[in-house]
Protein backbone atom coordinates (compact mmCIF):
# COMPACT_ATOMS: atom_id res chain seq x y z
CA MET A 1 -51.60 -73.58 -13.13
CA GLN A 2 -51.46 -74.72 -16.87
CA ARG A 3 -50.01 -72.42 -19.71
CA PHE A 4 -49.59 -72.17 -23.18
CA HIS A 5 -48.00 -69.80 -25.80
CA ARG A 6 -48.07 -70.02 -29.32
CA PRO A 7 -47.03 -67.01 -31.38
CA ILE A 8 -49.36 -65.40 -33.58
CA GLU A 9 -49.89 -66.82 -36.13
CA ALA A 10 -52.99 -65.65 -38.19
CA SER A 11 -53.99 -66.96 -41.07
CA GLY A 12 -56.94 -64.61 -42.37
CA ASP A 13 -59.59 -66.56 -42.52
CA ALA A 14 -60.73 -65.84 -38.77
CA GLN A 15 -62.50 -69.43 -38.58
CA ARG A 16 -59.56 -71.28 -38.72
CA ASP A 17 -57.59 -68.87 -36.21
CA VAL A 18 -60.56 -69.45 -33.79
CA ALA A 19 -60.62 -72.87 -34.01
CA ARG A 20 -57.30 -73.30 -33.52
CA ILE A 21 -57.47 -70.86 -30.05
CA VAL A 22 -59.96 -73.35 -29.10
CA GLU A 23 -58.65 -76.21 -29.52
CA ASP A 24 -55.17 -74.62 -27.44
CA ALA A 25 -57.98 -73.87 -24.83
CA GLN A 26 -59.28 -77.91 -24.76
CA GLN A 27 -56.59 -79.33 -24.36
CA LEU A 28 -55.06 -77.41 -21.75
CA LEU A 29 -58.58 -78.03 -19.50
CA ALA A 30 -57.88 -81.62 -20.56
CA ALA A 31 -54.17 -81.28 -18.50
CA ALA A 32 -55.73 -79.79 -15.36
CA GLY A 33 -58.50 -82.29 -15.19
CA VAL A 34 -61.15 -79.84 -16.14
CA GLY A 35 -64.64 -80.59 -16.90
CA ARG A 36 -66.63 -77.85 -18.94
CA ASP A 37 -68.64 -78.16 -16.54
CA ARG A 38 -66.50 -76.31 -13.65
CA ILE A 39 -65.47 -73.36 -16.31
CA GLY A 40 -66.96 -70.51 -14.54
CA ALA A 41 -66.49 -67.13 -16.41
CA ILE A 42 -63.66 -67.37 -19.70
CA GLY A 43 -61.89 -64.02 -19.77
CA VAL A 44 -60.62 -63.07 -23.54
CA SER A 45 -58.06 -60.52 -24.38
CA ALA A 46 -58.41 -59.39 -27.91
CA PRO A 47 -56.81 -57.07 -30.71
CA GLY A 48 -59.47 -54.01 -30.58
CA PRO A 49 -61.42 -52.54 -31.92
CA VAL A 50 -63.30 -54.85 -29.88
CA ASP A 51 -67.57 -54.57 -29.37
CA VAL A 52 -67.59 -55.58 -25.59
CA ARG A 53 -71.70 -55.29 -25.53
CA ASN A 54 -72.12 -58.00 -28.90
CA GLY A 55 -68.49 -59.96 -27.79
CA GLU A 56 -67.44 -58.75 -30.84
CA VAL A 57 -63.63 -57.82 -32.80
CA VAL A 58 -64.46 -55.12 -35.08
CA GLU A 59 -62.20 -55.29 -38.52
CA PRO A 60 -59.04 -55.31 -35.82
CA PRO A 61 -56.02 -53.64 -38.61
CA ASN A 62 -53.00 -56.08 -36.69
CA LEU A 63 -55.12 -59.41 -37.90
CA PRO A 64 -56.10 -58.77 -41.75
CA GLY A 65 -59.03 -60.71 -42.59
CA TRP A 66 -60.84 -61.03 -39.70
CA GLY A 67 -63.93 -58.19 -40.14
CA ARG A 68 -66.20 -58.03 -37.79
CA VAL A 69 -65.78 -61.43 -35.99
CA PRO A 70 -68.43 -63.29 -32.76
CA LEU A 71 -64.70 -64.12 -30.98
CA ALA A 72 -66.90 -64.27 -27.88
CA ALA A 73 -69.44 -66.65 -29.25
CA TRP A 74 -67.83 -68.70 -31.18
CA ILE A 75 -65.66 -69.27 -27.75
CA GLU A 76 -68.07 -70.16 -25.56
CA ALA A 77 -69.53 -72.26 -28.47
CA GLY A 78 -66.28 -74.42 -28.43
CA LEU A 79 -65.72 -74.33 -24.61
CA GLY A 80 -68.84 -74.21 -23.20
CA GLY A 81 -68.68 -71.45 -20.37
CA PRO A 82 -69.17 -67.74 -20.31
CA VAL A 83 -67.07 -65.93 -22.37
CA ALA A 84 -65.85 -62.30 -20.98
CA LEU A 85 -64.02 -60.49 -24.43
CA GLU A 86 -61.95 -57.07 -23.57
CA ASN A 87 -59.61 -54.61 -25.61
CA ASP A 88 -56.67 -56.49 -24.93
CA ALA A 89 -54.94 -53.15 -23.85
CA ASN A 90 -57.84 -52.66 -22.37
CA ALA A 91 -57.04 -56.56 -20.26
CA ALA A 92 -53.84 -55.15 -20.03
CA ALA A 93 -54.29 -51.95 -17.68
CA LEU A 94 -56.69 -54.08 -15.94
CA ALA A 95 -53.99 -56.68 -15.00
CA GLU A 96 -50.80 -54.05 -13.86
CA TRP A 97 -53.25 -52.09 -12.33
CA ARG A 98 -54.69 -55.02 -9.73
CA PHE A 99 -51.22 -56.77 -9.52
CA GLY A 100 -48.53 -55.08 -11.28
CA ALA A 101 -47.39 -51.01 -11.61
CA GLY A 102 -50.53 -50.28 -11.43
CA ARG A 103 -51.94 -51.05 -8.09
CA GLY A 104 -52.66 -48.96 -5.29
CA TYR A 105 -53.45 -45.78 -7.86
CA ARG A 106 -56.52 -44.46 -8.85
CA ASP A 107 -55.91 -42.82 -12.09
CA ILE A 108 -53.45 -45.09 -14.32
CA VAL A 109 -52.90 -45.11 -18.28
CA TYR A 110 -51.03 -48.34 -19.56
CA LEU A 111 -49.63 -47.95 -23.19
CA THR A 112 -48.01 -51.34 -24.91
CA MET A 113 -45.63 -50.68 -28.23
CA SER A 114 -45.63 -54.78 -29.41
CA THR A 115 -46.91 -54.96 -33.31
CA GLY A 116 -49.54 -51.50 -32.94
CA VAL A 117 -49.69 -49.09 -29.76
CA GLY A 118 -52.69 -50.32 -27.13
CA GLY A 119 -54.05 -48.03 -24.24
CA GLY A 120 -56.02 -48.87 -21.53
CA LEU A 121 -57.46 -45.98 -19.30
CA ILE A 122 -57.91 -46.27 -15.71
CA LEU A 123 -59.97 -42.98 -14.49
CA ALA A 124 -60.83 -42.73 -10.93
CA GLY A 125 -60.51 -46.42 -9.92
CA ARG A 126 -62.50 -47.94 -13.05
CA LEU A 127 -61.57 -49.31 -16.34
CA TYR A 128 -62.74 -46.52 -18.62
CA ARG A 129 -64.15 -47.56 -21.67
CA GLY A 130 -66.44 -44.81 -23.09
CA HIS A 131 -69.46 -44.37 -25.13
CA HIS A 132 -69.39 -47.18 -27.48
CA GLY A 133 -66.95 -49.16 -25.37
CA ASN A 134 -63.45 -48.56 -28.13
CA ALA A 135 -61.90 -45.76 -25.63
CA GLY A 136 -58.57 -46.08 -25.00
CA GLU A 137 -57.11 -46.22 -28.69
CA LEU A 138 -54.37 -43.97 -28.01
CA GLY A 139 -52.42 -45.38 -30.80
CA HIS A 140 -54.64 -44.21 -33.24
CA ILE A 141 -53.89 -40.21 -31.97
CA THR A 142 -52.25 -38.02 -34.57
CA LEU A 143 -49.23 -36.95 -33.77
CA GLU A 144 -48.42 -36.16 -37.89
CA ALA A 145 -51.39 -34.40 -39.89
CA GLY A 146 -51.09 -36.39 -43.62
CA GLY A 147 -48.07 -38.52 -42.28
CA GLU A 148 -47.63 -42.33 -42.42
CA ARG A 149 -50.91 -44.68 -43.54
CA CYS A 150 -51.24 -46.00 -40.36
CA ALA A 151 -53.02 -50.24 -40.30
CA CYS A 152 -56.02 -49.06 -39.14
CA GLY A 153 -55.93 -46.84 -42.33
CA LEU A 154 -55.83 -43.54 -40.98
CA ARG A 155 -52.42 -41.07 -41.45
CA GLY A 156 -49.82 -39.61 -39.24
CA CYS A 157 -51.28 -42.12 -35.85
CA PHE A 158 -49.17 -42.69 -33.32
CA GLU A 159 -49.15 -46.34 -34.24
CA ALA A 160 -47.25 -45.89 -37.39
CA TYR A 161 -44.72 -44.29 -35.71
CA ALA A 162 -43.83 -46.30 -32.97
CA GLY A 163 -45.75 -49.50 -33.08
CA GLY A 164 -43.45 -52.77 -33.51
CA ALA A 165 -44.69 -53.50 -36.65
CA ALA A 166 -44.58 -50.23 -38.54
CA TRP A 167 -40.97 -49.26 -36.88
CA ALA A 168 -39.75 -52.71 -37.93
CA LYS A 169 -41.04 -51.87 -41.51
CA ARG A 170 -38.96 -48.41 -41.23
CA LEU A 171 -35.61 -49.98 -39.87
CA ARG A 172 -35.67 -52.19 -42.20
CA GLU A 173 -35.87 -49.85 -45.46
CA VAL A 174 -32.80 -48.00 -43.62
CA THR A 175 -31.00 -49.99 -41.55
CA PRO A 176 -27.29 -50.41 -43.52
CA VAL A 177 -25.11 -53.01 -44.25
CA GLY A 178 -22.78 -53.54 -42.11
CA SER A 179 -24.32 -52.19 -38.72
CA THR A 180 -24.11 -54.07 -35.48
CA VAL A 181 -28.22 -53.76 -35.71
CA ALA A 182 -28.42 -55.62 -39.52
CA GLU A 183 -25.21 -58.31 -37.80
CA LEU A 184 -27.35 -59.10 -35.42
CA ALA A 185 -30.49 -59.51 -37.06
CA GLY A 186 -28.66 -61.56 -40.24
CA GLY A 187 -29.23 -58.46 -42.89
CA PRO A 188 -31.44 -55.20 -42.70
CA GLY A 189 -34.33 -57.21 -44.28
CA ARG A 190 -34.97 -58.97 -41.13
CA VAL A 191 -34.26 -55.86 -38.70
CA THR A 192 -36.75 -56.21 -35.54
CA PRO A 193 -37.07 -52.95 -32.47
CA GLU A 194 -35.64 -56.01 -30.34
CA HIS A 195 -32.40 -56.22 -32.57
CA LEU A 196 -32.52 -52.08 -32.67
CA VAL A 197 -32.56 -52.58 -28.86
CA ALA A 198 -29.85 -54.54 -28.71
CA ALA A 199 -27.75 -52.82 -30.75
CA ALA A 200 -27.88 -49.46 -29.28
CA HIS A 201 -27.83 -51.16 -25.90
CA ALA A 202 -24.06 -52.38 -27.13
CA GLY A 203 -23.26 -48.20 -27.96
CA ASP A 204 -24.37 -48.95 -31.71
CA ALA A 205 -24.65 -45.04 -32.76
CA PHE A 206 -27.12 -45.84 -35.65
CA ALA A 207 -28.96 -48.10 -32.34
CA LEU A 208 -28.90 -45.31 -30.20
CA GLY A 209 -30.21 -42.15 -33.11
CA GLU A 210 -32.56 -44.37 -34.40
CA PHE A 211 -33.98 -45.29 -30.93
CA ALA A 212 -33.69 -41.59 -29.79
CA ARG A 213 -36.19 -41.01 -32.62
CA TRP A 214 -38.52 -43.78 -31.55
CA ARG A 215 -38.32 -42.43 -27.98
CA GLU A 216 -39.00 -38.38 -29.43
CA THR A 217 -42.32 -40.17 -30.63
CA VAL A 218 -43.17 -41.51 -27.48
CA ALA A 219 -42.56 -38.40 -25.10
CA ARG A 220 -44.77 -36.47 -28.10
CA GLY A 221 -47.57 -39.25 -27.80
CA ILE A 222 -47.69 -39.38 -23.95
CA ALA A 223 -47.63 -35.36 -23.95
CA THR A 224 -51.57 -35.29 -25.15
CA ILE A 225 -52.26 -37.94 -23.00
CA ALA A 226 -51.18 -36.91 -20.15
CA PHE A 227 -52.51 -33.34 -20.88
CA ALA A 228 -55.68 -35.48 -21.58
CA PHE A 229 -56.28 -37.39 -18.55
CA ALA A 230 -53.56 -36.05 -15.52
CA PRO A 231 -53.04 -39.19 -14.68
CA GLU A 232 -51.00 -40.51 -11.89
CA ARG A 233 -49.03 -43.44 -13.33
CA ILE A 234 -48.58 -43.59 -17.07
CA VAL A 235 -47.80 -47.30 -17.02
CA LEU A 236 -45.01 -48.96 -20.04
CA GLY A 237 -44.80 -51.77 -21.97
CA THR A 238 -43.01 -54.53 -24.55
CA ILE A 239 -40.02 -52.57 -25.96
CA ALA A 240 -40.08 -49.64 -23.18
CA VAL A 241 -39.10 -52.40 -20.83
CA ALA A 242 -36.70 -54.43 -23.31
CA ALA A 243 -35.06 -50.35 -23.30
CA GLY A 244 -34.36 -49.91 -19.52
CA GLU A 245 -34.22 -47.29 -17.44
CA GLU A 246 -31.07 -46.11 -18.31
CA LEU A 247 -32.14 -45.88 -22.75
CA CYS A 248 -35.80 -45.26 -22.44
CA PHE A 249 -37.18 -44.73 -19.51
CA ALA A 250 -34.94 -41.15 -17.29
CA PRO A 251 -34.48 -39.39 -21.06
CA LEU A 252 -37.78 -40.00 -21.96
CA ARG A 253 -39.44 -38.56 -18.77
CA ALA A 254 -36.51 -35.75 -19.08
CA ARG A 255 -38.50 -34.94 -22.93
CA VAL A 256 -42.05 -35.40 -21.11
CA ARG A 257 -41.60 -32.84 -18.37
CA GLU A 258 -40.41 -30.68 -21.52
CA LEU A 259 -43.67 -30.49 -23.44
CA ILE A 260 -46.66 -30.61 -20.65
CA TRP A 261 -47.26 -27.72 -17.96
CA PRO A 262 -45.04 -28.38 -14.86
CA ASP A 263 -48.11 -28.93 -12.22
CA ILE A 264 -49.10 -32.36 -14.68
CA ALA A 265 -45.76 -33.37 -15.07
CA ALA A 266 -45.44 -32.68 -10.92
CA GLY A 267 -48.28 -35.21 -10.17
CA LEU A 268 -47.47 -37.88 -12.99
CA GLU A 269 -44.95 -40.75 -12.79
CA ILE A 270 -44.21 -42.63 -15.66
CA VAL A 271 -42.92 -46.53 -14.98
CA PRO A 272 -42.28 -49.58 -16.54
CA ALA A 273 -44.62 -52.44 -16.41
CA ALA A 274 -43.98 -55.30 -13.79
CA LEU A 275 -46.14 -58.22 -14.59
CA GLY A 276 -43.67 -59.49 -17.63
CA ASP A 277 -44.66 -63.00 -19.38
CA ARG A 278 -47.54 -63.14 -16.86
CA LEU A 279 -49.48 -60.29 -18.16
CA ALA A 280 -51.08 -62.11 -20.73
CA ASP A 281 -52.80 -64.64 -18.89
CA LEU A 282 -53.57 -62.17 -15.94
CA ALA A 283 -55.00 -59.97 -18.52
CA GLY A 284 -57.38 -62.84 -19.92
CA ILE A 285 -58.00 -63.53 -15.63
CA CYS A 286 -58.98 -59.37 -15.28
CA ALA A 287 -60.91 -59.62 -18.78
CA ALA A 288 -63.29 -62.63 -16.21
CA LEU A 289 -62.52 -60.78 -12.96
CA GLU A 290 -64.26 -57.58 -14.39
CA THR A 291 -67.09 -59.08 -15.88
CA VAL A 292 -68.23 -61.33 -13.24
CA ALA A 293 -67.91 -57.92 -10.34
CA ALA A 294 -70.76 -56.18 -13.68
CA ASP A 295 -72.92 -59.13 -12.95
CA ARG A 296 -72.90 -58.79 -9.50
CA VAL A 297 -73.56 -55.18 -8.90
CA GLY A 298 -76.34 -55.90 -12.24
């Protein structure tokens, strides 16, 4: 299997960004000796909101300047195969459900807290998209009425407090000069959640306090999700996985149990995502498989 990883370098010009994605894919296909005529399906996992029916991303908050972009059509034109476009959190949920921490369960919620907060719902053994295809946008449930402005334009969203970009912005404002966090980052203005987590693991008091604040936000978000869907498992990715059991999962489970009814808590497991750096690959594959399966049923 050929793989290529490129950090997010969105230019604000959607055509330029997609052309680069297509070029990377073309190089991978060439390296694998795969011609356009052998492509059965192309799975694309993209930041939401996503219009699955029309193959478009719709003004994604974490890709400024993109607007409404016919992503599926552009990629199909560049690569030749039929394109299955899926919200990235939905695709990740499918991957963890088929191959990872959700395998064997019928009702799971997947949450990622990387640049933003994304969610994917597997309910009764199927991906749930909702009426217009954007169910699972759990990063935009309101946790603080009139609170911090989110990248989506609303205020008080879960993402505005627990998303990586929003948290990094806060950390750069509040991290003390000379702290372990600042030293790891090379200065307060360069701090990321990764530096904060590393310092918390080292026992830094500021980092532990700031992480506890983040964890409380996540617990409140999960409590809302648990009341809404009562899933068997909530699978957490990215920042939570990096933080680990002692710093994140054990105290998080205890706090969530305090915030929800015992009958809901009794049936709920909160676990780390299992796929690691394979998640992006498998998410794209699962997006393609989902469409192939739907076509066969139809």
